[in-house]
Amino acid sequence: MIIEKAFVFLGWCTVVNLVVLLIWFLAFSRAHEMLYRIHGQWFKVSRETFDAIHYAGMAFYKVCIILFNLVPMIALRIALQA
């Protein structure tokens, strides 16, 4: 019972986190200039550095989703079948 609820919880966490990642990607790709202007007022950073920071951040976030949501969900699925 608890394992099934944890499996469902991790599934929804994965979905929510992937939606956040998708929104981040869409905002970055569609409103790149606006985001760069806003952040450029706060921090002195080049376009290349700005892009690299966001790309690395999205990659790190995706790895965290896989590591903390998908892998435990798959492990619970395996445990439920055993």
N, C-alpha and C. Protein backbone atom coordinates (compact mmCIF):
# COMPACT_ATOMS: atom_id res chain seq x y z
N MET A 1 0.83 -1.20 0.00
CA MET A 1 0.00 0.00 0.00
C MET A 1 0.87 1.26 0.00
N ILE A 2 1.84 1.33 0.89
CA ILE A 2 2.70 2.50 0.97
C ILE A 2 3.60 2.58 -0.26
N ILE A 3 4.07 1.43 -0.74
CA ILE A 3 4.93 1.43 -1.91
C ILE A 3 4.17 1.91 -3.14
N GLU A 4 2.90 1.52 -3.27
CA GLU A 4 2.09 1.99 -4.40
C GLU A 4 1.90 3.50 -4.35
N LYS A 5 1.65 4.03 -3.15
CA LYS A 5 1.48 5.48 -3.01
C LYS A 5 2.79 6.21 -3.31
N ALA A 6 3.90 5.66 -2.88
CA ALA A 6 5.20 6.27 -3.18
C ALA A 6 5.47 6.24 -4.68
N PHE A 7 5.07 5.15 -5.34
CA PHE A 7 5.25 5.06 -6.79
C PHE A 7 4.44 6.13 -7.50
N VAL A 8 3.19 6.32 -7.10
CA VAL A 8 2.33 7.34 -7.71
C VAL A 8 2.89 8.73 -7.41
N PHE A 9 3.33 8.95 -6.18
CA PHE A 9 3.91 10.24 -5.79
C PHE A 9 5.13 10.57 -6.65
N LEU A 10 6.03 9.62 -6.82
CA LEU A 10 7.22 9.85 -7.63
C LEU A 10 6.86 10.08 -9.10
N GLY A 11 5.82 9.41 -9.55
CA GLY A 11 5.36 9.64 -10.92
C GLY A 11 4.89 11.06 -11.12
N TRP A 12 4.09 11.56 -10.19
CA TRP A 12 3.62 12.95 -10.30
C TRP A 12 4.76 13.95 -10.12
N CYS A 13 5.70 13.64 -9.24
CA CYS A 13 6.87 14.51 -9.08
C CYS A 13 7.65 14.59 -10.39
N THR A 14 7.78 13.47 -11.07
CA THR A 14 8.48 13.45 -12.35
C THR A 14 7.76 14.31 -13.37
N VAL A 15 6.45 14.16 -13.45
CA VAL A 15 5.66 14.94 -14.41
C VAL A 15 5.79 16.44 -14.12
N VAL A 16 5.62 16.83 -12.87
CA VAL A 16 5.70 18.24 -12.50
C VAL A 16 7.08 18.80 -12.81
N ASN A 17 8.12 18.06 -12.46
CA ASN A 17 9.48 18.53 -12.72
C ASN A 17 9.79 18.62 -14.21
N LEU A 18 9.28 17.70 -15.00
CA LEU A 18 9.48 17.78 -16.45
C LEU A 18 8.73 18.97 -17.05
N VAL A 19 7.56 19.29 -16.51
CA VAL A 19 6.83 20.48 -16.96
C VAL A 19 7.62 21.74 -16.62
N VAL A 20 8.19 21.80 -15.43
CA VAL A 20 9.03 22.94 -15.05
C VAL A 20 10.22 23.07 -15.99
N LEU A 21 10.86 21.94 -16.31
CA LEU A 21 11.99 21.96 -17.24
C LEU A 21 11.56 22.42 -18.62
N LEU A 22 10.40 21.97 -19.07
CA LEU A 22 9.90 22.39 -20.38
C LEU A 22 9.59 23.89 -20.41
N ILE A 23 8.99 24.40 -19.36
CA ILE A 23 8.70 25.84 -19.27
C ILE A 23 10.00 26.64 -19.28
N TRP A 24 10.99 26.17 -18.53
CA TRP A 24 12.29 26.83 -18.51
C TRP A 24 12.89 26.86 -19.92
N PHE A 25 12.86 25.71 -20.60
CA PHE A 25 13.42 25.65 -21.94
C PHE A 25 12.66 26.57 -22.90
N LEU A 26 11.34 26.55 -22.85
CA LEU A 26 10.54 27.40 -23.74
C LEU A 26 10.78 28.88 -23.45
N ALA A 27 10.83 29.24 -22.18
CA ALA A 27 11.09 30.63 -21.82
C ALA A 27 12.48 31.05 -22.29
N PHE A 28 13.45 30.17 -22.14
CA PHE A 28 14.81 30.49 -22.55
C PHE A 28 14.93 30.60 -24.07
N SER A 29 14.26 29.71 -24.79
CA SER A 29 14.39 29.73 -26.25
C SER A 29 13.52 30.80 -26.89
N ARG A 30 12.36 31.10 -26.32
CA ARG A 30 11.45 32.08 -26.93
C ARG A 30 11.72 33.50 -26.48
N ALA A 31 12.18 33.68 -25.26
CA ALA A 31 12.38 35.03 -24.72
C ALA A 31 13.84 35.25 -24.34
N HIS A 32 14.74 34.72 -25.13
CA HIS A 32 16.17 34.78 -24.82
C HIS A 32 16.66 36.21 -24.65
N GLU A 33 16.33 37.07 -25.59
CA GLU A 33 16.82 38.45 -25.54
C GLU A 33 16.30 39.19 -24.31
N MET A 34 15.03 39.03 -24.01
CA MET A 34 14.46 39.69 -22.84
C MET A 34 15.12 39.19 -21.55
N LEU A 35 15.29 37.88 -21.45
CA LEU A 35 15.94 37.32 -20.27
C LEU A 35 17.38 37.81 -20.15
N TYR A 36 18.08 37.88 -21.28
CA TYR A 36 19.45 38.35 -21.24
C TYR A 36 19.52 39.82 -20.82
N ARG A 37 18.60 40.64 -21.33
CA ARG A 37 18.59 42.07 -20.94
C ARG A 37 18.32 42.22 -19.44
N ILE A 38 17.35 41.48 -18.94
CA ILE A 38 17.01 41.58 -17.51
C ILE A 38 18.20 41.14 -16.65
N HIS A 39 18.77 39.98 -16.97
CA HIS A 39 19.89 39.50 -16.18
C HIS A 39 21.15 40.33 -16.42
N GLY A 40 21.27 40.91 -17.60
CA GLY A 40 22.41 41.76 -17.90
C GLY A 40 22.44 43.02 -17.06
N GLN A 41 21.27 43.47 -16.62
CA GLN A 41 21.22 44.64 -15.73
C GLN A 41 21.72 44.29 -14.34
N TRP A 42 21.51 43.06 -13.92
CA TRP A 42 21.91 42.65 -12.58
C TRP A 42 23.36 42.17 -12.53
N PHE A 43 23.76 41.41 -13.57
CA PHE A 43 25.07 40.80 -13.58
C PHE A 43 25.77 41.14 -14.89
N LYS A 44 27.04 41.39 -14.83
CA LYS A 44 27.83 41.63 -16.03
C LYS A 44 28.29 40.27 -16.56
N VAL A 45 27.57 39.75 -17.53
CA VAL A 45 27.86 38.42 -18.06
C VAL A 45 27.69 38.47 -19.58
N SER A 46 28.57 37.78 -20.28
CA SER A 46 28.48 37.74 -21.74
C SER A 46 27.35 36.80 -22.18
N ARG A 47 26.95 36.93 -23.44
CA ARG A 47 25.90 36.06 -23.97
C ARG A 47 26.31 34.59 -23.90
N GLU A 48 27.56 34.32 -24.23
CA GLU A 48 28.03 32.93 -24.21
C GLU A 48 27.98 32.35 -22.80
N THR A 49 28.38 33.14 -21.83
CA THR A 49 28.34 32.69 -20.44
C THR A 49 26.89 32.52 -19.97
N PHE A 50 26.04 33.45 -20.35
CA PHE A 50 24.62 33.38 -20.01
C PHE A 50 24.01 32.10 -20.57
N ASP A 51 24.28 31.82 -21.83
CA ASP A 51 23.76 30.60 -22.45
C ASP A 51 24.32 29.35 -21.78
N ALA A 52 25.61 29.37 -21.48
CA ALA A 52 26.25 28.21 -20.85
C ALA A 52 25.67 27.95 -19.46
N ILE A 53 25.42 29.01 -18.71
CA ILE A 53 24.84 28.86 -17.37
C ILE A 53 23.46 28.22 -17.46
N HIS A 54 22.64 28.71 -18.37
CA HIS A 54 21.29 28.14 -18.50
C HIS A 54 21.34 26.71 -19.02
N TYR A 55 22.20 26.45 -20.00
CA TYR A 55 22.31 25.10 -20.53
C TYR A 55 22.77 24.13 -19.44
N ALA A 56 23.77 24.52 -18.67
CA ALA A 56 24.26 23.67 -17.58
C ALA A 56 23.20 23.50 -16.50
N GLY A 57 22.47 24.57 -16.22
CA GLY A 57 21.40 24.47 -15.22
C GLY A 57 20.30 23.51 -15.65
N MET A 58 19.91 23.58 -16.92
CA MET A 58 18.89 22.66 -17.42
C MET A 58 19.40 21.22 -17.42
N ALA A 59 20.66 21.03 -17.78
CA ALA A 59 21.24 19.69 -17.76
C ALA A 59 21.29 19.14 -16.34
N PHE A 60 21.71 19.97 -15.40
CA PHE A 60 21.77 19.54 -13.99
C PHE A 60 20.37 19.21 -13.47
N TYR A 61 19.39 20.03 -13.81
CA TYR A 61 18.01 19.80 -13.36
C TYR A 61 17.48 18.49 -13.93
N LYS A 62 17.79 18.23 -15.21
CA LYS A 62 17.34 16.98 -15.83
C LYS A 62 17.98 15.77 -15.16
N VAL A 63 19.27 15.86 -14.86
CA VAL A 63 19.95 14.76 -14.18
C VAL A 63 19.34 14.54 -12.79
N CYS A 64 19.01 15.61 -12.10
CA CYS A 64 18.37 15.48 -10.78
C CYS A 64 17.00 14.83 -10.88
N ILE A 65 16.24 15.17 -11.93
CA ILE A 65 14.93 14.53 -12.13
C ILE A 65 15.11 13.03 -12.31
N ILE A 66 16.07 12.67 -13.14
CA ILE A 66 16.32 11.24 -13.39
C ILE A 66 16.78 10.55 -12.12
N LEU A 67 17.73 11.17 -11.41
CA LEU A 67 18.34 10.54 -10.24
C LEU A 67 17.37 10.43 -9.06
N PHE A 68 16.59 11.49 -8.82
CA PHE A 68 15.77 11.52 -7.61
C PHE A 68 14.30 11.16 -7.84
N ASN A 69 13.85 11.10 -9.10
CA ASN A 69 12.46 10.75 -9.36
C ASN A 69 12.33 9.47 -10.16
N LEU A 70 12.95 9.42 -11.33
CA LEU A 70 12.78 8.26 -12.20
C LEU A 70 13.42 6.99 -11.66
N VAL A 71 14.66 7.08 -11.20
CA VAL A 71 15.34 5.88 -10.72
C VAL A 71 14.61 5.27 -9.51
N PRO A 72 14.22 6.06 -8.49
CA PRO A 72 13.45 5.44 -7.40
C PRO A 72 12.10 4.89 -7.87
N MET A 73 11.47 5.55 -8.84
CA MET A 73 10.19 5.05 -9.35
C MET A 73 10.38 3.71 -10.05
N ILE A 74 11.43 3.58 -10.84
CA ILE A 74 11.71 2.31 -11.50
C ILE A 74 12.04 1.24 -10.46
N ALA A 75 12.80 1.60 -9.44
CA ALA A 75 13.12 0.63 -8.38
C ALA A 75 11.86 0.17 -7.65
N LEU A 76 10.94 1.09 -7.40
CA LEU A 76 9.69 0.70 -6.76
C LEU A 76 8.85 -0.19 -7.67
N ARG A 77 8.86 0.10 -8.97
CA ARG A 77 8.13 -0.75 -9.92
C ARG A 77 8.69 -2.17 -9.89
N ILE A 78 10.01 -2.29 -9.86
CA ILE A 78 10.64 -3.59 -9.79
C ILE A 78 10.27 -4.29 -8.47
N ALA A 79 10.28 -3.54 -7.38
CA ALA A 79 9.93 -4.11 -6.07
C ALA A 79 8.47 -4.54 -6.03
N LEU A 80 7.59 -3.83 -6.71
CA LEU A 80 6.18 -4.22 -6.73
C LEU A 80 5.95 -5.49 -7.51
N GLN A 81 6.76 -5.73 -8.52
CA GLN A 81 6.61 -6.94 -9.32
C GLN A 81 7.20 -8.16 -8.65
N ALA A 82 8.12 -7.96 -7.72
CA ALA A 82 8.78 -9.09 -7.05
C ALA A 82 7.90 -9.71 -5.99
